[in-house]
Full PDB file with SEQRES, HELIX, SHEET, SSBOND, CRYST1, ORIGX, SCALE, CONECT and MASTER records, all heavy atoms in Angstrom:
SEQRES   1 A   35  LYS SER SER LEU THR ILE PRO LEU ALA ASN VAL ARG GLY          
SEQRES   2 A   35  ALA THR ALA ASP PRO GLY ILE ALA ALA ASP PRO LYS GLY          
SEQRES   3 A   35  ILE ARG ALA PRO GLY ALA HIS LEU PRO                          
HELIX    1 AA1 LEU A    8  ASN A   10  5                                   3    
HELIX    2 AA2 PRO A   18  ALA A   22  5                                   5    
CRYST1    1.000    1.000    1.000  90.00  90.00  90.00 P 1           1          
ORIGX1      1.000000  0.000000  0.000000        0.00000                         
ORIGX2      0.000000  1.000000  0.000000        0.00000                         
ORIGX3      0.000000  0.000000  1.000000        0.00000                         
SCALE1      1.000000  0.000000  0.000000        0.00000                         
SCALE2      0.000000  1.000000  0.000000        0.00000                         
SCALE3      0.000000  0.000000  1.000000        0.00000                         
ATOM      1  N   LYS A   1      45.900 113.772  95.595  1.00  0.00           N  
ATOM      2  CA  LYS A   1      45.568 112.721  94.683  1.00  0.00           C  
ATOM      3  C   LYS A   1      44.929 111.619  95.448  1.00  0.00           C  
ATOM      4  O   LYS A   1      45.207 111.355  96.638  1.00  0.00           O  
ATOM      5  CB  LYS A   1      46.822 112.040  94.049  1.00  0.00           C  
ATOM      6  CG  LYS A   1      47.585 112.888  93.068  1.00  0.00           C  
ATOM      7  CD  LYS A   1      47.309 112.531  91.659  1.00  0.00           C  
ATOM      8  CE  LYS A   1      48.158 113.376  90.710  1.00  0.00           C  
ATOM      9  NZ  LYS A   1      47.414 114.213  89.911  1.00  0.00           N  
ATOM     10  N   SER A   2      43.948 110.908  94.787  1.00  0.00           N  
ATOM     11  CA  SER A   2      43.376 109.745  95.481  1.00  0.00           C  
ATOM     12  C   SER A   2      43.887 108.430  94.866  1.00  0.00           C  
ATOM     13  O   SER A   2      43.898 107.402  95.569  1.00  0.00           O  
ATOM     14  CB  SER A   2      41.830 109.834  95.371  1.00  0.00           C  
ATOM     15  OG  SER A   2      41.374 109.807  94.070  1.00  0.00           O  
ATOM     16  N   SER A   3      44.325 108.479  93.647  1.00  0.00           N  
ATOM     17  CA  SER A   3      44.848 107.293  92.985  1.00  0.00           C  
ATOM     18  C   SER A   3      45.687 107.680  91.741  1.00  0.00           C  
ATOM     19  O   SER A   3      45.480 108.766  91.166  1.00  0.00           O  
ATOM     20  CB  SER A   3      43.757 106.344  92.613  1.00  0.00           C  
ATOM     21  OG  SER A   3      42.987 106.866  91.576  1.00  0.00           O  
ATOM     22  N   LEU A   4      46.485 106.754  91.357  1.00  0.00           N  
ATOM     23  CA  LEU A   4      47.305 106.912  90.117  1.00  0.00           C  
ATOM     24  C   LEU A   4      47.211 105.591  89.366  1.00  0.00           C  
ATOM     25  O   LEU A   4      47.258 104.510  89.967  1.00  0.00           O  
ATOM     26  CB  LEU A   4      48.766 107.184  90.435  1.00  0.00           C  
ATOM     27  CG  LEU A   4      49.048 108.500  91.166  1.00  0.00           C  
ATOM     28  CD1 LEU A   4      50.406 108.356  91.923  1.00  0.00           C  
ATOM     29  CD2 LEU A   4      49.127 109.639  90.197  1.00  0.00           C  
ATOM     30  N   THR A   5      47.027 105.612  88.099  1.00  0.00           N  
ATOM     31  CA  THR A   5      46.957 104.428  87.226  1.00  0.00           C  
ATOM     32  C   THR A   5      48.062 104.634  86.192  1.00  0.00           C  
ATOM     33  O   THR A   5      48.033 105.546  85.427  1.00  0.00           O  
ATOM     34  CB  THR A   5      45.599 104.267  86.630  1.00  0.00           C  
ATOM     35  OG1 THR A   5      44.615 104.200  87.650  1.00  0.00           O  
ATOM     36  CG2 THR A   5      45.546 102.985  85.785  1.00  0.00           C  
ATOM     37  N   ILE A   6      48.937 103.584  86.100  1.00  0.00           N  
ATOM     38  CA  ILE A   6      50.076 103.619  85.179  1.00  0.00           C  
ATOM     39  C   ILE A   6      50.057 102.328  84.316  1.00  0.00           C  
ATOM     40  O   ILE A   6      50.021 101.255  84.902  1.00  0.00           O  
ATOM     41  CB  ILE A   6      51.425 103.696  85.938  1.00  0.00           C  
ATOM     42  CG1 ILE A   6      51.404 104.813  86.999  1.00  0.00           C  
ATOM     43  CG2 ILE A   6      52.615 103.821  85.003  1.00  0.00           C  
ATOM     44  CD1 ILE A   6      51.369 106.207  86.502  1.00  0.00           C  
ATOM     45  N   PRO A   7      50.148 102.445  82.995  1.00  0.00           N  
ATOM     46  CA  PRO A   7      50.290 101.261  82.206  1.00  0.00           C  
ATOM     47  C   PRO A   7      51.622 100.466  82.592  1.00  0.00           C  
ATOM     48  O   PRO A   7      52.639 101.149  82.768  1.00  0.00           O  
ATOM     49  CB  PRO A   7      50.412 101.718  80.773  1.00  0.00           C  
ATOM     50  CG  PRO A   7      49.889 103.153  80.792  1.00  0.00           C  
ATOM     51  CD  PRO A   7      50.167 103.659  82.171  1.00  0.00           C  
ATOM     52  N   LEU A   8      51.513  99.168  82.695  1.00  0.00           N  
ATOM     53  CA  LEU A   8      52.726  98.411  83.140  1.00  0.00           C  
ATOM     54  C   LEU A   8      53.834  98.544  82.103  1.00  0.00           C  
ATOM     55  O   LEU A   8      55.035  98.438  82.525  1.00  0.00           O  
ATOM     56  CB  LEU A   8      52.276  96.879  83.269  1.00  0.00           C  
ATOM     57  CG  LEU A   8      51.555  96.556  84.496  1.00  0.00           C  
ATOM     58  CD1 LEU A   8      51.102  95.116  84.461  1.00  0.00           C  
ATOM     59  CD2 LEU A   8      52.399  96.820  85.824  1.00  0.00           C  
ATOM     60  N   ALA A   9      53.537  98.864  80.896  1.00  0.00           N  
ATOM     61  CA  ALA A   9      54.560  99.068  79.906  1.00  0.00           C  
ATOM     62  C   ALA A   9      55.470 100.207  80.221  1.00  0.00           C  
ATOM     63  O   ALA A   9      56.551 100.326  79.772  1.00  0.00           O  
ATOM     64  CB  ALA A   9      53.963  99.306  78.473  1.00  0.00           C  
ATOM     65  N   ASN A  10      54.984 101.070  81.088  1.00  0.00           N  
ATOM     66  CA  ASN A  10      55.757 102.321  81.481  1.00  0.00           C  
ATOM     67  C   ASN A  10      56.335 102.191  82.908  1.00  0.00           C  
ATOM     68  O   ASN A  10      56.987 103.143  83.396  1.00  0.00           O  
ATOM     69  CB  ASN A  10      54.852 103.547  81.443  1.00  0.00           C  
ATOM     70  CG  ASN A  10      54.420 103.862  80.036  1.00  0.00           C  
ATOM     71  OD1 ASN A  10      54.935 103.301  79.049  1.00  0.00           O  
ATOM     72  ND2 ASN A  10      53.490 104.804  79.919  1.00  0.00           N  
ATOM     73  N   VAL A  11      56.277 100.985  83.504  1.00  0.00           N  
ATOM     74  CA  VAL A  11      56.865 100.815  84.760  1.00  0.00           C  
ATOM     75  C   VAL A  11      58.174 100.028  84.589  1.00  0.00           C  
ATOM     76  O   VAL A  11      58.241  99.018  83.968  1.00  0.00           O  
ATOM     77  CB  VAL A  11      55.925  99.962  85.706  1.00  0.00           C  
ATOM     78  CG1 VAL A  11      56.595  99.623  87.015  1.00  0.00           C  
ATOM     79  CG2 VAL A  11      54.594 100.608  85.917  1.00  0.00           C  
ATOM     80  N   ARG A  12      59.268 100.687  85.093  1.00  0.00           N  
ATOM     81  CA  ARG A  12      60.550 100.095  84.949  1.00  0.00           C  
ATOM     82  C   ARG A  12      60.970  99.134  86.028  1.00  0.00           C  
ATOM     83  O   ARG A  12      61.792  98.279  85.860  1.00  0.00           O  
ATOM     84  CB  ARG A  12      61.652 101.211  84.806  1.00  0.00           C  
ATOM     85  CG  ARG A  12      61.368 102.183  83.626  1.00  0.00           C  
ATOM     86  CD  ARG A  12      62.129 103.373  83.766  1.00  0.00           C  
ATOM     87  NE  ARG A  12      63.303 103.319  82.929  1.00  0.00           N  
ATOM     88  CZ  ARG A  12      64.322 104.222  82.980  1.00  0.00           C  
ATOM     89  NH1 ARG A  12      64.191 105.263  83.798  1.00  0.00           N  
ATOM     90  NH2 ARG A  12      65.355 104.120  82.178  1.00  0.00           N  
ATOM     91  N   GLY A  13      60.513  99.308  87.181  1.00  0.00           N  
ATOM     92  CA  GLY A  13      60.776  98.481  88.332  1.00  0.00           C  
ATOM     93  C   GLY A  13      60.468  99.111  89.625  1.00  0.00           C  
ATOM     94  O   GLY A  13      60.000 100.293  89.684  1.00  0.00           O  
ATOM     95  N   ALA A  14      60.821  98.427  90.698  1.00  0.00           N  
ATOM     96  CA  ALA A  14      60.511  98.988  92.066  1.00  0.00           C  
ATOM     97  C   ALA A  14      61.589  98.517  93.016  1.00  0.00           C  
ATOM     98  O   ALA A  14      62.156  97.408  92.823  1.00  0.00           O  
ATOM     99  CB  ALA A  14      59.173  98.540  92.535  1.00  0.00           C  
ATOM    100  N   THR A  15      61.859  99.316  94.052  1.00  0.00           N  
ATOM    101  CA  THR A  15      62.814  98.962  95.069  1.00  0.00           C  
ATOM    102  C   THR A  15      62.324  99.464  96.442  1.00  0.00           C  
ATOM    103  O   THR A  15      61.677 100.553  96.467  1.00  0.00           O  
ATOM    104  CB  THR A  15      64.263  99.593  94.853  1.00  0.00           C  
ATOM    105  OG1 THR A  15      64.088 101.028  94.686  1.00  0.00           O  
ATOM    106  CG2 THR A  15      64.869  99.015  93.594  1.00  0.00           C  
ATOM    107  N   ALA A  16      62.655  98.756  97.433  1.00  0.00           N  
ATOM    108  CA  ALA A  16      62.413  99.294  98.801  1.00  0.00           C  
ATOM    109  C   ALA A  16      63.537 100.188  99.165  1.00  0.00           C  
ATOM    110  O   ALA A  16      64.755  99.758  98.990  1.00  0.00           O  
ATOM    111  CB  ALA A  16      62.274  98.103  99.769  1.00  0.00           C  
ATOM    112  N   ASP A  17      63.300 101.389  99.531  1.00  0.00           N  
ATOM    113  CA  ASP A  17      64.390 102.331  99.771  1.00  0.00           C  
ATOM    114  C   ASP A  17      64.093 103.227 101.031  1.00  0.00           C  
ATOM    115  O   ASP A  17      63.675 104.386 100.823  1.00  0.00           O  
ATOM    116  CB  ASP A  17      64.622 103.179  98.574  1.00  0.00           C  
ATOM    117  CG  ASP A  17      65.873 104.038  98.656  1.00  0.00           C  
ATOM    118  OD1 ASP A  17      66.507 104.107  99.719  1.00  0.00           O  
ATOM    119  OD2 ASP A  17      66.207 104.747  97.628  1.00  0.00           O  
ATOM    120  N   PRO A  18      64.353 102.785 102.208  1.00  0.00           N  
ATOM    121  CA  PRO A  18      64.062 103.617 103.403  1.00  0.00           C  
ATOM    122  C   PRO A  18      64.895 104.792 103.502  1.00  0.00           C  
ATOM    123  O   PRO A  18      64.530 105.854 104.146  1.00  0.00           O  
ATOM    124  CB  PRO A  18      64.321 102.620 104.620  1.00  0.00           C  
ATOM    125  CG  PRO A  18      65.144 101.511 104.031  1.00  0.00           C  
ATOM    126  CD  PRO A  18      64.815 101.466 102.581  1.00  0.00           C  
ATOM    127  N   GLY A  19      66.090 104.815 102.833  1.00  0.00           N  
ATOM    128  CA  GLY A  19      66.955 106.012 102.828  1.00  0.00           C  
ATOM    129  C   GLY A  19      66.516 107.168 102.010  1.00  0.00           C  
ATOM    130  O   GLY A  19      67.086 108.232 102.079  1.00  0.00           O  
ATOM    131  N   ILE A  20      65.571 106.951 101.105  1.00  0.00           N  
ATOM    132  CA  ILE A  20      65.123 108.023 100.204  1.00  0.00           C  
ATOM    133  C   ILE A  20      64.569 109.215 100.908  1.00  0.00           C  
ATOM    134  O   ILE A  20      64.616 110.328 100.404  1.00  0.00           O  
ATOM    135  CB  ILE A  20      64.191 107.464  99.137  1.00  0.00           C  
ATOM    136  CG1 ILE A  20      64.122 108.482  97.975  1.00  0.00           C  
ATOM    137  CG2 ILE A  20      62.810 107.167  99.713  1.00  0.00           C  
ATOM    138  CD1 ILE A  20      63.663 107.907  96.670  1.00  0.00           C  
ATOM    139  N   ALA A  21      64.037 109.006 102.069  1.00  0.00           N  
ATOM    140  CA  ALA A  21      63.440 110.135 102.818  1.00  0.00           C  
ATOM    141  C   ALA A  21      64.427 111.252 103.167  1.00  0.00           C  
ATOM    142  O   ALA A  21      64.094 112.387 103.274  1.00  0.00           O  
ATOM    143  CB  ALA A  21      62.805 109.631 104.112  1.00  0.00           C  
ATOM    144  N   ALA A  22      65.730 110.880 103.175  1.00  0.00           N  
ATOM    145  CA  ALA A  22      66.817 111.883 103.422  1.00  0.00           C  
ATOM    146  C   ALA A  22      67.247 112.599 102.128  1.00  0.00           C  
ATOM    147  O   ALA A  22      67.938 113.640 102.285  1.00  0.00           O  
ATOM    148  CB  ALA A  22      68.021 111.176 104.044  1.00  0.00           C  
ATOM    149  N   ASP A  23      66.807 112.134 100.985  1.00  0.00           N  
ATOM    150  CA  ASP A  23      67.188 112.756  99.752  1.00  0.00           C  
ATOM    151  C   ASP A  23      66.440 114.147  99.569  1.00  0.00           C  
ATOM    152  O   ASP A  23      65.385 114.330 100.097  1.00  0.00           O  
ATOM    153  CB  ASP A  23      66.816 111.855  98.539  1.00  0.00           C  
ATOM    154  CG  ASP A  23      67.721 110.682  98.420  1.00  0.00           C  
ATOM    155  OD1 ASP A  23      68.718 110.539  99.238  1.00  0.00           O  
ATOM    156  OD2 ASP A  23      67.484 109.857  97.547  1.00  0.00           O  
ATOM    157  N   PRO A  24      67.002 114.991  98.731  1.00  0.00           N  
ATOM    158  CA  PRO A  24      66.324 116.262  98.442  1.00  0.00           C  
ATOM    159  C   PRO A  24      64.989 115.995  97.789  1.00  0.00           C  
ATOM    160  O   PRO A  24      64.897 115.055  96.984  1.00  0.00           O  
ATOM    161  CB  PRO A  24      67.314 117.015  97.562  1.00  0.00           C  
ATOM    162  CG  PRO A  24      68.590 116.325  97.673  1.00  0.00           C  
ATOM    163  CD  PRO A  24      68.356 114.951  98.096  1.00  0.00           C  
ATOM    164  N   LYS A  25      64.031 116.800  98.104  1.00  0.00           N  
ATOM    165  CA  LYS A  25      62.677 116.598  97.550  1.00  0.00           C  
ATOM    166  C   LYS A  25      62.419 117.457  96.358  1.00  0.00           C  
ATOM    167  O   LYS A  25      61.688 117.145  95.484  1.00  0.00           O  
ATOM    168  CB  LYS A  25      61.587 116.920  98.567  1.00  0.00           C  
ATOM    169  CG  LYS A  25      61.756 116.214  99.919  1.00  0.00           C  
ATOM    170  CD  LYS A  25      61.717 114.673  99.810  1.00  0.00           C  
ATOM    171  CE  LYS A  25      61.852 114.055 101.135  1.00  0.00           C  
ATOM    172  NZ  LYS A  25      63.173 113.929 101.742  1.00  0.00           N  
ATOM    173  N   GLY A  26      62.992 118.661  96.323  1.00  0.00           N  
ATOM    174  CA  GLY A  26      62.758 119.673  95.310  1.00  0.00           C  
ATOM    175  C   GLY A  26      61.649 120.597  95.673  1.00  0.00           C  
ATOM    176  O   GLY A  26      61.326 120.778  96.876  1.00  0.00           O  
ATOM    177  N   ILE A  27      61.066 121.173  94.686  1.00  0.00           N  
ATOM    178  CA  ILE A  27      59.986 122.157  94.927  1.00  0.00           C  
ATOM    179  C   ILE A  27      58.644 121.505  95.018  1.00  0.00           C  
ATOM    180  O   ILE A  27      58.254 120.757  94.084  1.00  0.00           O  
ATOM    181  CB  ILE A  27      60.069 123.294  93.805  1.00  0.00           C  
ATOM    182  CG1 ILE A  27      61.368 124.005  93.824  1.00  0.00           C  
ATOM    183  CG2 ILE A  27      58.913 124.245  93.969  1.00  0.00           C  
ATOM    184  CD1 ILE A  27      61.619 124.931  92.687  1.00  0.00           C  
ATOM    185  N   ARG A  28      57.884 121.739  96.030  1.00  0.00           N  
ATOM    186  CA  ARG A  28      56.586 121.164  96.251  1.00  0.00           C  
ATOM    187  C   ARG A  28      55.540 121.941  95.464  1.00  0.00           C  
ATOM    188  O   ARG A  28      55.429 123.123  95.592  1.00  0.00           O  
ATOM    189  CB  ARG A  28      56.299 121.206  97.765  1.00  0.00           C  
ATOM    190  CG  ARG A  28      54.944 120.759  98.182  1.00  0.00           C  
ATOM    191  CD  ARG A  28      54.795 121.086  99.647  1.00  0.00           C  
ATOM    192  NE  ARG A  28      55.019 122.521  99.792  1.00  0.00           N  
ATOM    193  CZ  ARG A  28      55.110 123.158 100.971  1.00  0.00           C  
ATOM    194  NH1 ARG A  28      54.972 122.468 102.053  1.00  0.00           N  
ATOM    195  NH2 ARG A  28      55.294 124.386 101.068  1.00  0.00           N  
ATOM    196  N   ALA A  29      54.757 121.230  94.659  1.00  0.00           N  
ATOM    197  CA  ALA A  29      53.694 121.942  93.919  1.00  0.00           C  
ATOM    198  C   ALA A  29      52.729 120.949  93.279  1.00  0.00           C  
ATOM    199  O   ALA A  29      53.071 120.492  92.204  1.00  0.00           O  
ATOM    200  CB  ALA A  29      54.339 122.877  92.847  1.00  0.00           C  
ATOM    201  N   PRO A  30      51.602 120.676  93.785  1.00  0.00           N  
ATOM    202  CA  PRO A  30      51.158 120.941  95.138  1.00  0.00           C  
ATOM    203  C   PRO A  30      51.480 119.776  96.042  1.00  0.00           C  
ATOM    204  O   PRO A  30      51.762 118.646  95.584  1.00  0.00           O  
ATOM    205  CB  PRO A  30      49.644 121.017  94.946  1.00  0.00           C  
ATOM    206  CG  PRO A  30      49.374 120.025  93.831  1.00  0.00           C  
ATOM    207  CD  PRO A  30      50.573 120.103  92.936  1.00  0.00           C  
ATOM    208  N   GLY A  31      51.478 120.003  97.337  1.00  0.00           N  
ATOM    209  CA  GLY A  31      51.713 118.968  98.278  1.00  0.00           C  
ATOM    210  C   GLY A  31      51.957 119.469  99.683  1.00  0.00           C  
ATOM    211  O   GLY A  31      51.798 120.634  99.951  1.00  0.00           O  
ATOM    212  N   ALA A  32      52.464 118.539 100.505  1.00  0.00           N  
ATOM    213  CA  ALA A  32      52.804 118.890 101.894  1.00  0.00           C  
ATOM    214  C   ALA A  32      54.133 118.302 102.233  1.00  0.00           C  
ATOM    215  O   ALA A  32      54.422 117.186 101.823  1.00  0.00           O  
ATOM    216  CB  ALA A  32      51.733 118.323 102.772  1.00  0.00           C  
ATOM    217  N   HIS A  33      54.950 118.992 103.036  1.00  0.00           N  
ATOM    218  CA  HIS A  33      56.188 118.486 103.481  1.00  0.00           C  
ATOM    219  C   HIS A  33      56.504 119.062 104.827  1.00  0.00           C  
ATOM    220  O   HIS A  33      56.689 120.244 105.063  1.00  0.00           O  
ATOM    221  CB  HIS A  33      57.317 118.898 102.548  1.00  0.00           C  
ATOM    222  CG  HIS A  33      58.677 118.337 102.959  1.00  0.00           C  
ATOM    223  ND1 HIS A  33      58.941 116.961 103.159  1.00  0.00           N  
ATOM    224  CD2 HIS A  33      59.791 119.027 103.268  1.00  0.00           C  
ATOM    225  CE1 HIS A  33      60.176 116.818 103.529  1.00  0.00           C  
ATOM    226  NE2 HIS A  33      60.747 118.084 103.667  1.00  0.00           N  
ATOM    227  N   LEU A  34      56.514 118.163 105.872  1.00  0.00           N  
ATOM    228  CA  LEU A  34      56.913 118.490 107.229  1.00  0.00           C  
ATOM    229  C   LEU A  34      58.014 117.454 107.532  1.00  0.00           C  
ATOM    230  O   LEU A  34      57.704 116.307 107.764  1.00  0.00           O  
ATOM    231  CB  LEU A  34      55.721 118.306 108.134  1.00  0.00           C  
ATOM    232  CG  LEU A  34      55.577 119.315 109.313  1.00  0.00           C  
ATOM    233  CD1 LEU A  34      55.399 120.731 108.737  1.00  0.00           C  
ATOM    234  CD2 LEU A  34      54.437 118.905 110.159  1.00  0.00           C  
ATOM    235  N   PRO A  35      59.308 117.899 107.526  1.00  0.00           N  
ATOM    236  CA  PRO A  35      60.368 116.915 107.651  1.00  0.00           C  
ATOM    237  C   PRO A  35      60.182 116.019 108.947  1.00  0.00           C  
ATOM    238  O   PRO A  35      59.854 116.499 110.052  1.00  0.00           O  
ATOM    239  CB  PRO A  35      61.585 117.834 107.847  1.00  0.00           C  
ATOM    240  CG  PRO A  35      61.204 119.066 107.123  1.00  0.00           C  
ATOM    241  CD  PRO A  35      59.767 119.225 107.362  1.00  0.00           C  
TER     242      PRO A  35                                                      
MASTER        0    0    0    2    0    0    0    6  241    1    0    3          
END                                                                             
């Protein structure tokens, strides 16, 4: 992807979360994952 555009009406909020990298990612399709 080069960009994503989301209507603000569909944005619930945002948080800084450095710990999320340790969470399960699920199945990659498409993408890249090198722990």
